[in-house]
N, C-alpha and C. Protein backbone atom coordinates (compact mmCIF):
# COMPACT_ATOMS: atom_id res chain seq x y z
N MET A 1 -139.34 31.86 116.14
CA MET A 1 -139.92 32.60 117.23
C MET A 1 -141.02 31.75 117.84
N SER A 2 -141.00 31.60 119.13
CA SER A 2 -142.03 30.79 119.80
C SER A 2 -143.34 31.57 119.87
N GLN A 3 -144.42 30.86 120.17
CA GLN A 3 -145.72 31.51 120.26
C GLN A 3 -145.73 32.57 121.36
N SER A 4 -145.12 32.27 122.49
CA SER A 4 -145.11 33.25 123.58
C SER A 4 -144.31 34.49 123.21
N GLU A 5 -143.19 34.31 122.47
CA GLU A 5 -142.42 35.46 122.01
C GLU A 5 -143.23 36.28 121.02
N PHE A 6 -143.96 35.60 120.13
CA PHE A 6 -144.79 36.29 119.16
C PHE A 6 -145.86 37.12 119.86
N VAL A 7 -146.54 36.52 120.82
CA VAL A 7 -147.60 37.23 121.55
C VAL A 7 -147.01 38.41 122.30
N ARG A 8 -145.89 38.22 122.96
CA ARG A 8 -145.24 39.30 123.69
C ARG A 8 -144.88 40.44 122.75
N THR A 9 -144.36 40.12 121.57
CA THR A 9 -144.00 41.13 120.59
C THR A 9 -145.23 41.89 120.11
N MET A 10 -146.32 41.17 119.86
CA MET A 10 -147.54 41.82 119.40
C MET A 10 -148.13 42.73 120.47
N ILE A 11 -148.06 42.31 121.72
CA ILE A 11 -148.57 43.13 122.81
C ILE A 11 -147.74 44.40 122.94
N GLN A 12 -146.43 44.27 122.88
CA GLN A 12 -145.57 45.44 122.96
C GLN A 12 -145.80 46.38 121.79
N ALA A 13 -146.01 45.82 120.61
CA ALA A 13 -146.28 46.64 119.43
C ALA A 13 -147.61 47.38 119.60
N GLY A 14 -148.61 46.70 120.14
CA GLY A 14 -149.89 47.35 120.38
C GLY A 14 -149.80 48.47 121.39
N ARG A 15 -148.97 48.28 122.40
CA ARG A 15 -148.79 49.31 123.42
C ARG A 15 -148.07 50.53 122.86
N SER A 16 -147.16 50.31 121.92
CA SER A 16 -146.36 51.42 121.40
C SER A 16 -147.14 52.28 120.42
N GLY A 17 -148.19 51.73 119.84
CA GLY A 17 -149.05 52.54 119.00
C GLY A 17 -148.84 52.49 117.52
N PHE A 18 -147.90 52.33 116.83
CA PHE A 18 -147.80 52.35 115.37
C PHE A 18 -148.12 53.72 114.79
N GLU A 19 -147.64 54.77 115.38
CA GLU A 19 -147.85 56.09 114.83
C GLU A 19 -146.76 56.33 113.78
N PRO A 20 -147.11 56.88 112.61
CA PRO A 20 -146.11 57.08 111.56
C PRO A 20 -145.08 58.12 111.97
N ALA A 21 -143.88 57.94 111.47
CA ALA A 21 -142.81 58.89 111.73
C ALA A 21 -143.12 60.20 111.03
N ALA A 22 -142.56 61.29 111.52
CA ALA A 22 -142.82 62.61 110.93
C ALA A 22 -142.42 62.64 109.47
N SER A 23 -141.34 61.95 109.10
CA SER A 23 -140.89 61.94 107.71
C SER A 23 -141.89 61.24 106.80
N GLU A 24 -142.63 60.26 107.32
CA GLU A 24 -143.61 59.56 106.51
C GLU A 24 -144.83 60.43 106.25
N THR A 25 -145.28 61.21 107.23
CA THR A 25 -146.46 62.03 107.06
C THR A 25 -146.14 63.30 106.30
N ALA A 26 -144.93 63.83 106.43
CA ALA A 26 -144.58 65.07 105.75
C ALA A 26 -144.51 64.88 104.24
N GLY A 27 -144.10 63.72 103.77
CA GLY A 27 -143.95 63.49 102.34
C GLY A 27 -145.19 62.95 101.67
N SER A 28 -146.26 62.76 102.40
CA SER A 28 -147.45 62.17 101.78
C SER A 28 -148.22 63.23 101.03
N ASP A 29 -148.85 62.79 99.91
CA ASP A 29 -149.71 63.67 99.14
C ASP A 29 -150.99 62.93 98.80
N ASP A 30 -151.87 63.57 98.04
CA ASP A 30 -153.16 62.96 97.72
C ASP A 30 -153.00 61.68 96.93
N ALA A 31 -152.01 61.58 96.06
CA ALA A 31 -151.82 60.36 95.28
C ALA A 31 -151.41 59.21 96.17
N GLY A 32 -150.61 59.47 97.17
CA GLY A 32 -150.18 58.44 98.09
C GLY A 32 -151.30 57.96 98.99
N ALA A 33 -152.26 58.81 99.24
CA ALA A 33 -153.37 58.44 100.11
C ALA A 33 -154.21 57.34 99.50
N ASP A 34 -154.30 57.32 98.15
CA ASP A 34 -155.10 56.29 97.49
C ASP A 34 -154.47 54.92 97.63
N SER A 35 -153.14 54.85 97.74
CA SER A 35 -152.47 53.56 97.81
C SER A 35 -152.42 53.01 99.23
N GLU A 36 -152.80 53.82 100.21
CA GLU A 36 -152.77 53.38 101.60
C GLU A 36 -153.89 52.38 101.85
N GLU A 37 -153.58 51.32 102.59
CA GLU A 37 -154.58 50.31 102.90
C GLU A 37 -155.61 50.87 103.86
N PRO A 38 -156.89 50.52 103.66
CA PRO A 38 -157.93 51.02 104.58
C PRO A 38 -157.78 50.37 105.94
N ARG A 39 -158.11 51.12 106.97
CA ARG A 39 -158.04 50.60 108.33
C ARG A 39 -159.27 49.78 108.62
N SER A 40 -159.10 48.84 109.50
CA SER A 40 -160.21 48.02 109.94
C SER A 40 -161.21 48.91 110.66
N PRO A 41 -162.51 48.72 110.44
CA PRO A 41 -163.50 49.59 111.08
C PRO A 41 -163.50 49.47 112.60
N ASP A 42 -163.03 48.35 113.14
CA ASP A 42 -163.02 48.20 114.58
C ASP A 42 -161.67 48.54 115.20
N ALA A 43 -160.74 49.04 114.37
CA ALA A 43 -159.42 49.40 114.89
C ALA A 43 -159.53 50.67 115.71
N THR A 44 -158.89 50.67 116.86
CA THR A 44 -158.88 51.86 117.70
C THR A 44 -157.44 52.18 118.05
N PRO A 45 -157.09 53.46 118.02
CA PRO A 45 -155.72 53.81 118.34
C PRO A 45 -155.38 53.51 119.79
N ARG A 46 -154.11 53.18 120.02
CA ARG A 46 -153.57 52.95 121.34
C ARG A 46 -154.18 51.76 122.06
N GLY A 47 -154.77 50.82 121.33
CA GLY A 47 -155.20 49.57 121.92
C GLY A 47 -156.48 49.63 122.73
N ASP A 48 -157.37 50.57 122.44
CA ASP A 48 -158.62 50.65 123.20
C ASP A 48 -159.44 49.37 123.06
N GLY A 49 -159.36 48.70 121.92
CA GLY A 49 -160.06 47.43 121.74
C GLY A 49 -159.55 46.39 122.72
N LEU A 50 -158.26 46.41 122.97
CA LEU A 50 -157.67 45.49 123.94
C LEU A 50 -158.16 45.82 125.34
N LYS A 51 -158.24 47.09 125.67
CA LYS A 51 -158.75 47.50 126.98
C LYS A 51 -160.18 46.99 127.18
N ASP A 52 -160.99 47.16 126.14
CA ASP A 52 -162.38 46.70 126.22
C ASP A 52 -162.44 45.20 126.42
N ARG A 53 -161.59 44.46 125.71
CA ARG A 53 -161.57 43.00 125.82
C ARG A 53 -161.13 42.56 127.22
N VAL A 54 -160.12 43.22 127.78
CA VAL A 54 -159.66 42.90 129.14
C VAL A 54 -160.77 43.19 130.14
N ARG A 55 -161.43 44.33 129.99
CA ARG A 55 -162.55 44.65 130.89
C ARG A 55 -163.64 43.57 130.81
N GLU A 56 -163.92 43.13 129.60
CA GLU A 56 -164.95 42.10 129.39
C GLU A 56 -164.57 40.79 130.09
N ILE A 57 -163.32 40.38 129.95
CA ILE A 57 -162.85 39.13 130.57
C ILE A 57 -162.91 39.24 132.09
N LEU A 58 -162.46 40.38 132.64
CA LEU A 58 -162.40 40.54 134.08
C LEU A 58 -163.74 40.87 134.73
N ALA A 59 -164.77 41.07 133.92
CA ALA A 59 -166.08 41.45 134.44
C ALA A 59 -166.71 40.37 135.30
N ASP A 60 -166.27 39.12 135.17
CA ASP A 60 -166.88 38.04 135.95
C ASP A 60 -166.44 38.04 137.41
N GLY A 61 -165.49 38.92 137.77
CA GLY A 61 -165.07 39.04 139.16
C GLY A 61 -164.02 38.02 139.59
N ASP A 62 -163.64 37.11 138.70
CA ASP A 62 -162.60 36.13 139.02
C ASP A 62 -161.22 36.78 138.88
N TYR A 63 -160.24 36.18 139.56
CA TYR A 63 -158.85 36.60 139.43
C TYR A 63 -158.19 35.80 138.32
N TYR A 64 -157.43 36.49 137.47
CA TYR A 64 -156.73 35.85 136.36
C TYR A 64 -155.24 36.11 136.52
N GLU A 65 -154.45 35.04 136.46
CA GLU A 65 -153.00 35.21 136.40
C GLU A 65 -152.65 35.71 135.00
N TRP A 66 -151.46 36.25 134.86
CA TRP A 66 -151.00 36.79 133.58
C TRP A 66 -151.18 35.78 132.45
N GLU A 67 -150.72 34.54 132.67
CA GLU A 67 -150.78 33.51 131.63
C GLU A 67 -152.23 33.19 131.25
N ASP A 68 -153.12 33.15 132.25
CA ASP A 68 -154.52 32.85 131.98
C ASP A 68 -155.18 33.99 131.19
N LEU A 69 -154.87 35.21 131.58
CA LEU A 69 -155.42 36.36 130.88
C LEU A 69 -154.90 36.41 129.44
N LEU A 70 -153.63 36.14 129.28
CA LEU A 70 -153.03 36.09 127.95
C LEU A 70 -153.70 35.01 127.10
N ALA A 71 -153.95 33.85 127.70
CA ALA A 71 -154.60 32.76 126.98
C ALA A 71 -156.02 33.17 126.55
N GLU A 72 -156.73 33.88 127.40
CA GLU A 72 -158.08 34.35 127.06
C GLU A 72 -158.04 35.31 125.87
N LEU A 73 -157.02 36.14 125.83
CA LEU A 73 -156.92 37.14 124.76
C LEU A 73 -156.45 36.56 123.44
N THR A 74 -155.70 35.46 123.48
CA THR A 74 -155.11 34.92 122.26
C THR A 74 -155.63 33.54 121.92
N ASP A 75 -156.78 33.19 122.46
CA ASP A 75 -157.28 31.82 122.33
C ASP A 75 -157.48 31.35 120.90
N ASP A 76 -157.78 32.23 119.98
CA ASP A 76 -158.07 31.78 118.63
C ASP A 76 -156.97 32.12 117.62
N ILE A 77 -155.83 32.62 118.07
CA ILE A 77 -154.79 33.04 117.14
C ILE A 77 -154.23 31.86 116.33
N GLU A 78 -154.07 30.71 116.96
CA GLU A 78 -153.53 29.56 116.23
C GLU A 78 -154.49 29.11 115.14
N GLU A 79 -155.78 29.05 115.46
CA GLU A 79 -156.77 28.64 114.47
C GLU A 79 -156.85 29.66 113.33
N ARG A 80 -156.81 30.94 113.66
CA ARG A 80 -156.86 31.99 112.64
C ARG A 80 -155.63 31.93 111.74
N LEU A 81 -154.45 31.69 112.34
CA LEU A 81 -153.23 31.59 111.56
C LEU A 81 -153.30 30.39 110.62
N GLU A 82 -153.75 29.26 111.11
CA GLU A 82 -153.86 28.06 110.28
C GLU A 82 -154.82 28.29 109.11
N ASP A 83 -155.98 28.88 109.39
CA ASP A 83 -156.96 29.17 108.34
C ASP A 83 -156.38 30.12 107.30
N THR A 84 -155.67 31.14 107.76
CA THR A 84 -155.07 32.11 106.85
C THR A 84 -154.01 31.47 105.98
N LEU A 85 -153.14 30.65 106.59
CA LEU A 85 -152.10 29.98 105.81
C LEU A 85 -152.70 29.03 104.78
N GLN A 86 -153.76 28.31 105.16
CA GLN A 86 -154.41 27.41 104.20
C GLN A 86 -155.00 28.20 103.03
N GLU A 87 -155.61 29.31 103.32
CA GLU A 87 -156.19 30.15 102.27
C GLU A 87 -155.10 30.69 101.34
N LEU A 88 -154.01 31.18 101.93
CA LEU A 88 -152.91 31.71 101.13
C LEU A 88 -152.26 30.62 100.28
N GLN A 89 -152.16 29.40 100.82
CA GLN A 89 -151.61 28.28 100.05
C GLN A 89 -152.55 27.91 98.90
N SER A 90 -153.84 27.91 99.16
CA SER A 90 -154.79 27.55 98.09
C SER A 90 -154.81 28.59 96.98
N ASN A 91 -154.45 29.84 97.31
CA ASN A 91 -154.36 30.91 96.31
C ASN A 91 -152.97 31.01 95.70
N ASN A 92 -152.10 30.05 96.03
CA ASN A 92 -150.72 30.02 95.55
C ASN A 92 -149.94 31.29 95.88
N GLU A 93 -150.24 31.88 97.04
CA GLU A 93 -149.51 33.06 97.49
C GLU A 93 -148.39 32.68 98.47
N VAL A 94 -148.55 31.56 99.15
CA VAL A 94 -147.60 31.09 100.15
C VAL A 94 -147.42 29.59 99.94
N GLN A 95 -146.21 29.11 100.19
CA GLN A 95 -145.98 27.68 100.13
C GLN A 95 -145.17 27.24 101.33
N TYR A 96 -145.36 25.99 101.74
CA TYR A 96 -144.61 25.43 102.85
C TYR A 96 -143.52 24.53 102.30
N SER A 97 -142.34 24.65 102.86
CA SER A 97 -141.22 23.80 102.46
C SER A 97 -140.77 23.00 103.67
N GLY A 98 -140.97 21.69 103.62
CA GLY A 98 -140.48 20.82 104.67
C GLY A 98 -138.97 20.81 104.73
N ARG A 99 -138.36 20.93 103.57
CA ARG A 99 -136.90 20.94 103.49
C ARG A 99 -136.31 22.14 104.23
N HIS A 100 -136.97 23.30 104.09
CA HIS A 100 -136.48 24.52 104.73
C HIS A 100 -137.16 24.75 106.08
N GLY A 101 -138.17 23.96 106.38
CA GLY A 101 -138.81 24.04 107.69
C GLY A 101 -139.66 25.26 107.92
N GLY A 102 -140.32 25.76 106.88
CA GLY A 102 -141.16 26.94 107.10
C GLY A 102 -141.91 27.36 105.87
N TYR A 103 -142.60 28.45 106.03
CA TYR A 103 -143.42 29.03 104.97
C TYR A 103 -142.64 30.15 104.27
N VAL A 104 -142.95 30.33 102.99
CA VAL A 104 -142.34 31.40 102.22
C VAL A 104 -143.37 31.93 101.24
N ARG A 105 -143.26 33.19 100.92
CA ARG A 105 -144.17 33.79 99.94
C ARG A 105 -143.82 33.26 98.56
N ASP A 106 -144.83 32.84 97.82
CA ASP A 106 -144.65 32.27 96.49
C ASP A 106 -144.80 33.39 95.48
N GLU A 107 -143.72 33.71 94.79
CA GLU A 107 -143.77 34.84 93.86
C GLU A 107 -143.78 34.41 92.44
């Protein structure tokens, strides 16, 4: 998957919301709630954080083409991904295989 496809997929996922299906919420109980991962404190439903970021970028009054605006929003994703992969590799959670041309979870 190319970087642009990845970004497009993430944007579409953010727009759709990630609301749990009715079957997932109906079967949950108190024991299951403990195993659920905590949400990020800055997470906002329906992408409000993205709206705020877009407003911040556009506040300077300049015109931004789609590609430029997208670049402003995703400027640090490559660096963050590299840092994360390095950390996971150092913890022996992920390994890179040149032979297979990619990363895989190390179990």
